[in-house]
C-alpha cells in the first residue's frame, strides 16, 4: 500500500506524456501472465510513438529515467523473449489497476487507456 501511495504522489507530479507512458506500461503489464510480465523497450517505443507520447528513443529514455529515479520502473531479463529486457512496474495487480484508475480519473487522453 505504501508503494502504491508513493507511486501516486510521483505520478501526480509528472507531465501528461510521462503519465501516458506509465498507463501504457501498466496496460502492457496487465496483458501479460499474472500482471507481472512487462514490456520490451521496442514495443513501448512503438506504442509511445503511435500515441504521440515520445517521438524518439531519446525522449522515451528520458521519461523512463525519471520513472527509474523514483523507483516506479524496473527491468529484468525475460528467458521467453530471448533474454530481452522487460520493463515493468513493481506493484501487485490490484495496485496496478488502482494506479490505472487514478490515471484515467486524472484525464489521460483517450486511446491510451
N, C-alpha and C. Protein backbone atom coordinates (compact mmCIF):
# COMPACT_ATOMS: atom_id res chain seq x y z
N UNK A 1 0.83 -1.20 0.00
CA UNK A 1 0.00 0.00 0.00
C UNK A 1 0.87 1.26 0.00
N UNK A 2 1.95 1.26 0.77
CA UNK A 2 2.84 2.42 0.78
C UNK A 2 3.45 2.65 -0.59
N UNK A 3 3.81 1.55 -1.28
CA UNK A 3 4.36 1.67 -2.63
C UNK A 3 3.35 2.32 -3.56
N UNK A 4 2.09 1.91 -3.45
CA UNK A 4 1.04 2.47 -4.30
C UNK A 4 0.87 3.95 -4.03
N UNK A 5 0.83 4.34 -2.76
CA UNK A 5 0.68 5.75 -2.40
C UNK A 5 1.86 6.57 -2.92
N UNK A 6 3.07 6.02 -2.76
CA UNK A 6 4.26 6.72 -3.25
C UNK A 6 4.20 6.89 -4.77
N UNK A 7 3.79 5.83 -5.46
CA UNK A 7 3.69 5.88 -6.92
C UNK A 7 2.68 6.96 -7.34
N UNK A 8 1.55 7.03 -6.64
CA UNK A 8 0.53 8.02 -7.00
C UNK A 8 1.03 9.45 -6.76
N UNK A 9 1.77 9.67 -5.69
CA UNK A 9 2.32 11.00 -5.41
C UNK A 9 3.25 11.41 -6.55
N UNK A 10 4.12 10.50 -6.96
CA UNK A 10 5.05 10.80 -8.05
C UNK A 10 4.29 11.03 -9.35
N UNK A 11 3.32 10.17 -9.65
CA UNK A 11 2.57 10.29 -10.90
C UNK A 11 1.85 11.63 -11.02
N UNK A 12 1.35 12.13 -9.92
CA UNK A 12 0.65 13.42 -9.95
C UNK A 12 1.59 14.56 -10.34
N UNK A 13 2.89 14.38 -10.08
CA UNK A 13 3.87 15.43 -10.39
C UNK A 13 4.43 15.32 -11.81
N UNK A 14 4.16 14.21 -12.50
CA UNK A 14 4.70 14.01 -13.84
C UNK A 14 3.89 14.77 -14.89
N UNK A 15 4.53 15.03 -16.02
CA UNK A 15 3.79 15.67 -17.10
C UNK A 15 2.87 14.65 -17.77
N UNK A 16 1.98 15.13 -18.63
CA UNK A 16 0.96 14.28 -19.24
C UNK A 16 1.56 13.14 -20.05
N UNK A 17 2.64 13.40 -20.78
CA UNK A 17 3.23 12.34 -21.58
C UNK A 17 3.84 11.25 -20.70
N UNK A 18 4.48 11.62 -19.63
CA UNK A 18 5.04 10.63 -18.71
C UNK A 18 3.93 9.79 -18.07
N UNK A 19 2.83 10.45 -17.71
CA UNK A 19 1.70 9.69 -17.16
C UNK A 19 1.12 8.74 -18.20
N UNK A 20 1.09 9.20 -19.45
CA UNK A 20 0.62 8.34 -20.53
C UNK A 20 1.52 7.13 -20.72
N UNK A 21 2.81 7.32 -20.58
CA UNK A 21 3.77 6.21 -20.70
C UNK A 21 3.56 5.22 -19.56
N UNK A 22 3.32 5.73 -18.37
CA UNK A 22 3.03 4.83 -17.24
C UNK A 22 1.76 4.04 -17.52
N UNK A 23 0.74 4.69 -18.05
CA UNK A 23 -0.50 3.99 -18.39
C UNK A 23 -0.24 2.89 -19.42
N UNK A 24 0.58 3.19 -20.43
CA UNK A 24 0.93 2.17 -21.42
C UNK A 24 1.66 0.99 -20.79
N UNK A 25 2.62 1.30 -19.93
CA UNK A 25 3.36 0.25 -19.23
C UNK A 25 2.41 -0.66 -18.45
N UNK A 26 1.50 -0.05 -17.71
CA UNK A 26 0.56 -0.82 -16.90
C UNK A 26 -0.33 -1.68 -17.79
N UNK A 27 -0.85 -1.09 -18.86
CA UNK A 27 -1.72 -1.86 -19.76
C UNK A 27 -0.99 -3.06 -20.33
N UNK A 28 0.23 -2.86 -20.79
CA UNK A 28 1.01 -3.95 -21.35
C UNK A 28 1.32 -5.00 -20.28
N UNK A 29 1.64 -4.53 -19.10
CA UNK A 29 1.97 -5.44 -18.00
C UNK A 29 0.77 -6.28 -17.60
N UNK A 30 -0.40 -5.66 -17.50
CA UNK A 30 -1.60 -6.38 -17.12
C UNK A 30 -2.04 -7.37 -18.21
N UNK A 31 -1.66 -7.10 -19.44
CA UNK A 31 -1.99 -8.01 -20.54
C UNK A 31 -1.15 -9.29 -20.46
N UNK A 32 -0.04 -9.24 -19.72
CA UNK A 32 0.82 -10.41 -19.57
C UNK A 32 0.30 -11.36 -18.50
N UNK A 33 0.93 -12.50 -18.39
CA UNK A 33 0.53 -13.51 -17.42
C UNK A 33 0.65 -12.97 -16.00
N UNK A 34 -0.40 -13.07 -15.23
CA UNK A 34 -0.43 -12.67 -13.82
C UNK A 34 -0.12 -11.20 -13.58
N UNK A 35 -0.10 -10.39 -14.62
CA UNK A 35 0.18 -8.98 -14.45
C UNK A 35 1.62 -8.67 -14.11
N UNK A 36 2.54 -9.60 -14.34
CA UNK A 36 3.93 -9.35 -13.97
C UNK A 36 4.89 -9.45 -15.15
N UNK A 37 4.37 -9.61 -16.34
CA UNK A 37 5.23 -9.86 -17.49
C UNK A 37 6.11 -8.66 -17.84
N UNK A 38 5.52 -7.55 -18.18
CA UNK A 38 6.30 -6.39 -18.58
C UNK A 38 6.26 -6.21 -20.09
N UNK A 39 7.05 -5.26 -20.57
CA UNK A 39 7.05 -4.91 -21.99
C UNK A 39 8.48 -4.58 -22.41
N UNK A 40 8.82 -4.92 -23.64
CA UNK A 40 10.16 -4.57 -24.14
C UNK A 40 10.21 -3.08 -24.47
N UNK A 41 11.42 -2.55 -24.46
CA UNK A 41 11.60 -1.15 -24.81
C UNK A 41 11.09 -0.90 -26.22
N UNK A 42 11.39 -1.82 -27.15
CA UNK A 42 10.98 -1.64 -28.55
C UNK A 42 9.46 -1.53 -28.67
N UNK A 43 8.74 -2.40 -27.97
CA UNK A 43 7.27 -2.38 -28.01
C UNK A 43 6.75 -1.09 -27.38
N UNK A 44 7.31 -0.70 -26.25
CA UNK A 44 6.87 0.53 -25.59
C UNK A 44 7.14 1.74 -26.48
N UNK A 45 8.30 1.76 -27.13
CA UNK A 45 8.63 2.88 -28.01
C UNK A 45 7.66 2.95 -29.19
N UNK A 46 7.35 1.80 -29.76
CA UNK A 46 6.40 1.75 -30.88
C UNK A 46 5.05 2.33 -30.47
N UNK A 47 4.53 1.88 -29.31
CA UNK A 47 3.23 2.37 -28.84
C UNK A 47 3.28 3.85 -28.46
N UNK A 48 4.39 4.27 -27.83
CA UNK A 48 4.52 5.68 -27.42
C UNK A 48 4.56 6.58 -28.65
N UNK A 49 5.22 6.14 -29.71
CA UNK A 49 5.25 6.91 -30.97
C UNK A 49 3.86 6.99 -31.58
N UNK A 50 3.16 5.86 -31.64
CA UNK A 50 1.81 5.83 -32.21
C UNK A 50 0.87 6.80 -31.50
N UNK A 51 1.05 6.95 -30.19
CA UNK A 51 0.18 7.80 -29.39
C UNK A 51 0.74 9.19 -29.15
N UNK A 52 1.85 9.50 -29.82
CA UNK A 52 2.49 10.82 -29.72
C UNK A 52 2.91 11.18 -28.30
N UNK A 53 3.36 10.18 -27.55
CA UNK A 53 3.85 10.40 -26.19
C UNK A 53 5.35 10.64 -26.16
N UNK A 54 6.06 9.98 -27.08
CA UNK A 54 7.52 10.13 -27.19
C UNK A 54 7.89 9.79 -28.62
N UNK A 55 8.31 10.77 -29.38
CA UNK A 55 8.56 10.54 -30.80
C UNK A 55 9.92 9.92 -31.09
N UNK A 56 10.86 10.04 -30.16
CA UNK A 56 12.19 9.48 -30.37
C UNK A 56 12.56 8.54 -29.23
N UNK A 57 13.54 7.68 -29.48
CA UNK A 57 14.02 6.80 -28.43
C UNK A 57 14.57 7.61 -27.26
N UNK A 58 15.28 8.68 -27.58
CA UNK A 58 15.88 9.50 -26.52
C UNK A 58 14.79 10.12 -25.63
N UNK A 59 13.72 10.59 -26.23
CA UNK A 59 12.63 11.17 -25.44
C UNK A 59 12.03 10.11 -24.51
N UNK A 60 11.83 8.90 -25.03
CA UNK A 60 11.28 7.83 -24.20
C UNK A 60 12.26 7.47 -23.09
N UNK A 61 13.54 7.38 -23.42
CA UNK A 61 14.55 7.06 -22.40
C UNK A 61 14.56 8.11 -21.29
N UNK A 62 14.36 9.37 -21.64
CA UNK A 62 14.31 10.43 -20.63
C UNK A 62 13.11 10.24 -19.69
N UNK A 63 11.95 9.90 -20.28
CA UNK A 63 10.77 9.63 -19.45
C UNK A 63 11.03 8.44 -18.53
N UNK A 64 11.62 7.39 -19.08
CA UNK A 64 11.88 6.18 -18.30
C UNK A 64 12.91 6.43 -17.20
N UNK A 65 13.90 7.26 -17.47
CA UNK A 65 14.91 7.59 -16.46
C UNK A 65 14.25 8.24 -15.25
N UNK A 66 13.31 9.12 -15.49
CA UNK A 66 12.60 9.77 -14.39
C UNK A 66 11.83 8.74 -13.57
N UNK A 67 11.19 7.79 -14.24
CA UNK A 67 10.44 6.75 -13.53
C UNK A 67 11.38 5.84 -12.73
N UNK A 68 12.55 5.55 -13.31
CA UNK A 68 13.54 4.73 -12.58
C UNK A 68 14.04 5.48 -11.35
N UNK A 69 14.31 6.78 -11.51
CA UNK A 69 14.80 7.60 -10.39
C UNK A 69 13.85 7.55 -9.21
N UNK A 70 12.56 7.47 -9.50
CA UNK A 70 11.54 7.44 -8.44
C UNK A 70 11.15 6.02 -8.05
N UNK A 71 11.89 5.04 -8.56
CA UNK A 71 11.68 3.62 -8.23
C UNK A 71 10.31 3.10 -8.66
N UNK A 72 9.74 3.72 -9.71
CA UNK A 72 8.46 3.28 -10.23
C UNK A 72 8.67 2.22 -11.32
N UNK A 73 9.81 2.25 -11.95
CA UNK A 73 10.10 1.36 -13.08
C UNK A 73 11.29 0.47 -12.77
N UNK A 74 11.17 -0.79 -13.17
CA UNK A 74 12.29 -1.74 -13.06
C UNK A 74 12.40 -2.49 -14.38
N UNK A 75 13.51 -3.22 -14.53
CA UNK A 75 13.64 -4.08 -15.70
C UNK A 75 14.28 -5.40 -15.30
N UNK A 76 13.97 -6.40 -16.11
CA UNK A 76 14.52 -7.74 -15.89
C UNK A 76 14.65 -8.44 -17.23
N UNK A 77 15.46 -9.49 -17.26
CA UNK A 77 15.61 -10.28 -18.48
C UNK A 77 14.48 -11.29 -18.55
N UNK A 78 14.03 -11.53 -19.78
CA UNK A 78 12.95 -12.50 -19.99
C UNK A 78 13.48 -13.67 -20.80
N UNK A 79 13.50 -14.82 -20.20
CA UNK A 79 14.00 -16.02 -20.89
C UNK A 79 13.18 -16.33 -22.13
N UNK A 80 11.86 -16.16 -22.03
CA UNK A 80 10.99 -16.47 -23.17
C UNK A 80 11.14 -15.47 -24.31
N UNK A 81 11.68 -14.31 -24.03
CA UNK A 81 11.85 -13.28 -25.06
C UNK A 81 13.30 -13.25 -25.53
N UNK A 82 13.98 -14.39 -25.44
CA UNK A 82 15.37 -14.46 -25.89
C UNK A 82 16.31 -13.62 -25.06
N UNK A 83 15.99 -13.42 -23.80
CA UNK A 83 16.84 -12.64 -22.91
C UNK A 83 16.63 -11.15 -23.03
N UNK A 84 15.63 -10.73 -23.78
CA UNK A 84 15.33 -9.29 -23.92
C UNK A 84 14.97 -8.71 -22.56
N UNK A 85 15.25 -7.45 -22.38
CA UNK A 85 14.91 -6.76 -21.13
C UNK A 85 13.43 -6.39 -21.16
N UNK A 86 12.75 -6.69 -20.07
CA UNK A 86 11.36 -6.30 -19.92
C UNK A 86 11.26 -5.19 -18.90
N UNK A 87 10.52 -4.15 -19.24
CA UNK A 87 10.25 -3.04 -18.33
C UNK A 87 8.96 -3.35 -17.59
N UNK A 88 8.93 -3.07 -16.30
CA UNK A 88 7.70 -3.33 -15.54
C UNK A 88 7.63 -2.41 -14.33
N UNK A 89 6.43 -2.30 -13.81
CA UNK A 89 6.18 -1.51 -12.61
C UNK A 89 5.99 -2.51 -11.46
N UNK A 90 6.83 -2.43 -10.42
CA UNK A 90 6.84 -3.44 -9.37
C UNK A 90 5.72 -3.28 -8.33
N UNK A 91 4.49 -3.43 -8.81
CA UNK A 91 3.33 -3.36 -7.92
C UNK A 91 2.44 -4.57 -8.18
N UNK A 92 1.69 -5.01 -7.17
CA UNK A 92 0.75 -6.12 -7.39
C UNK A 92 -0.37 -5.70 -8.35
N UNK A 93 -1.04 -6.69 -8.91
CA UNK A 93 -2.08 -6.44 -9.92
C UNK A 93 -3.15 -5.47 -9.42
N UNK A 94 -3.63 -5.65 -8.19
CA UNK A 94 -4.69 -4.75 -7.69
C UNK A 94 -4.19 -3.31 -7.59
N UNK A 95 -2.92 -3.14 -7.22
CA UNK A 95 -2.35 -1.79 -7.15
C UNK A 95 -2.19 -1.20 -8.54
N UNK A 96 -1.78 -2.02 -9.51
CA UNK A 96 -1.66 -1.54 -10.89
C UNK A 96 -3.02 -1.06 -11.40
N UNK A 97 -4.06 -1.82 -11.11
CA UNK A 97 -5.41 -1.42 -11.52
C UNK A 97 -5.83 -0.12 -10.84
N UNK A 98 -5.45 0.05 -9.58
CA UNK A 98 -5.75 1.29 -8.87
C UNK A 98 -5.04 2.49 -9.46
N UNK A 99 -3.77 2.31 -9.81
CA UNK A 99 -3.00 3.39 -10.44
C UNK A 99 -3.61 3.73 -11.79
N UNK A 100 -3.99 2.70 -12.54
CA UNK A 100 -4.62 2.93 -13.85
C UNK A 100 -5.92 3.71 -13.71
N UNK A 101 -6.71 3.38 -12.69
CA UNK A 101 -7.96 4.10 -12.43
C UNK A 101 -7.67 5.56 -12.09
N UNK A 102 -6.64 5.78 -11.29
CA UNK A 102 -6.25 7.15 -10.92
C UNK A 102 -5.80 7.93 -12.16
N UNK A 103 -5.04 7.28 -13.03
CA UNK A 103 -4.60 7.94 -14.26
C UNK A 103 -5.79 8.29 -15.14
N UNK A 104 -6.74 7.38 -15.22
CA UNK A 104 -7.94 7.62 -16.01
C UNK A 104 -8.71 8.81 -15.45
N UNK A 105 -8.85 8.86 -14.13
CA UNK A 105 -9.57 9.95 -13.47
C UNK A 105 -8.85 11.29 -13.65
N UNK A 106 -7.52 11.23 -13.84
CA UNK A 106 -6.76 12.47 -13.99
C UNK A 106 -6.83 13.03 -15.40
N UNK A 107 -7.53 12.32 -16.28
CA UNK A 107 -7.75 12.86 -17.62
C UNK A 107 -6.76 12.39 -18.66
N UNK A 108 -6.24 11.17 -18.54
CA UNK A 108 -5.36 10.62 -19.57
C UNK A 108 -6.12 10.61 -20.89
N UNK A 109 -5.43 11.00 -21.94
CA UNK A 109 -6.03 11.08 -23.27
C UNK A 109 -6.67 9.78 -23.70
N UNK A 110 -7.81 9.86 -24.36
CA UNK A 110 -8.47 8.68 -24.93
C UNK A 110 -7.52 8.02 -25.92
N UNK A 111 -7.57 6.72 -26.02
CA UNK A 111 -6.69 5.99 -26.92
C UNK A 111 -5.53 5.37 -26.17
N UNK A 112 -5.11 6.01 -25.08
CA UNK A 112 -4.04 5.44 -24.26
C UNK A 112 -4.65 4.34 -23.40
N UNK A 113 -5.80 4.64 -22.81
CA UNK A 113 -6.47 3.63 -21.99
C UNK A 113 -7.51 2.98 -22.84
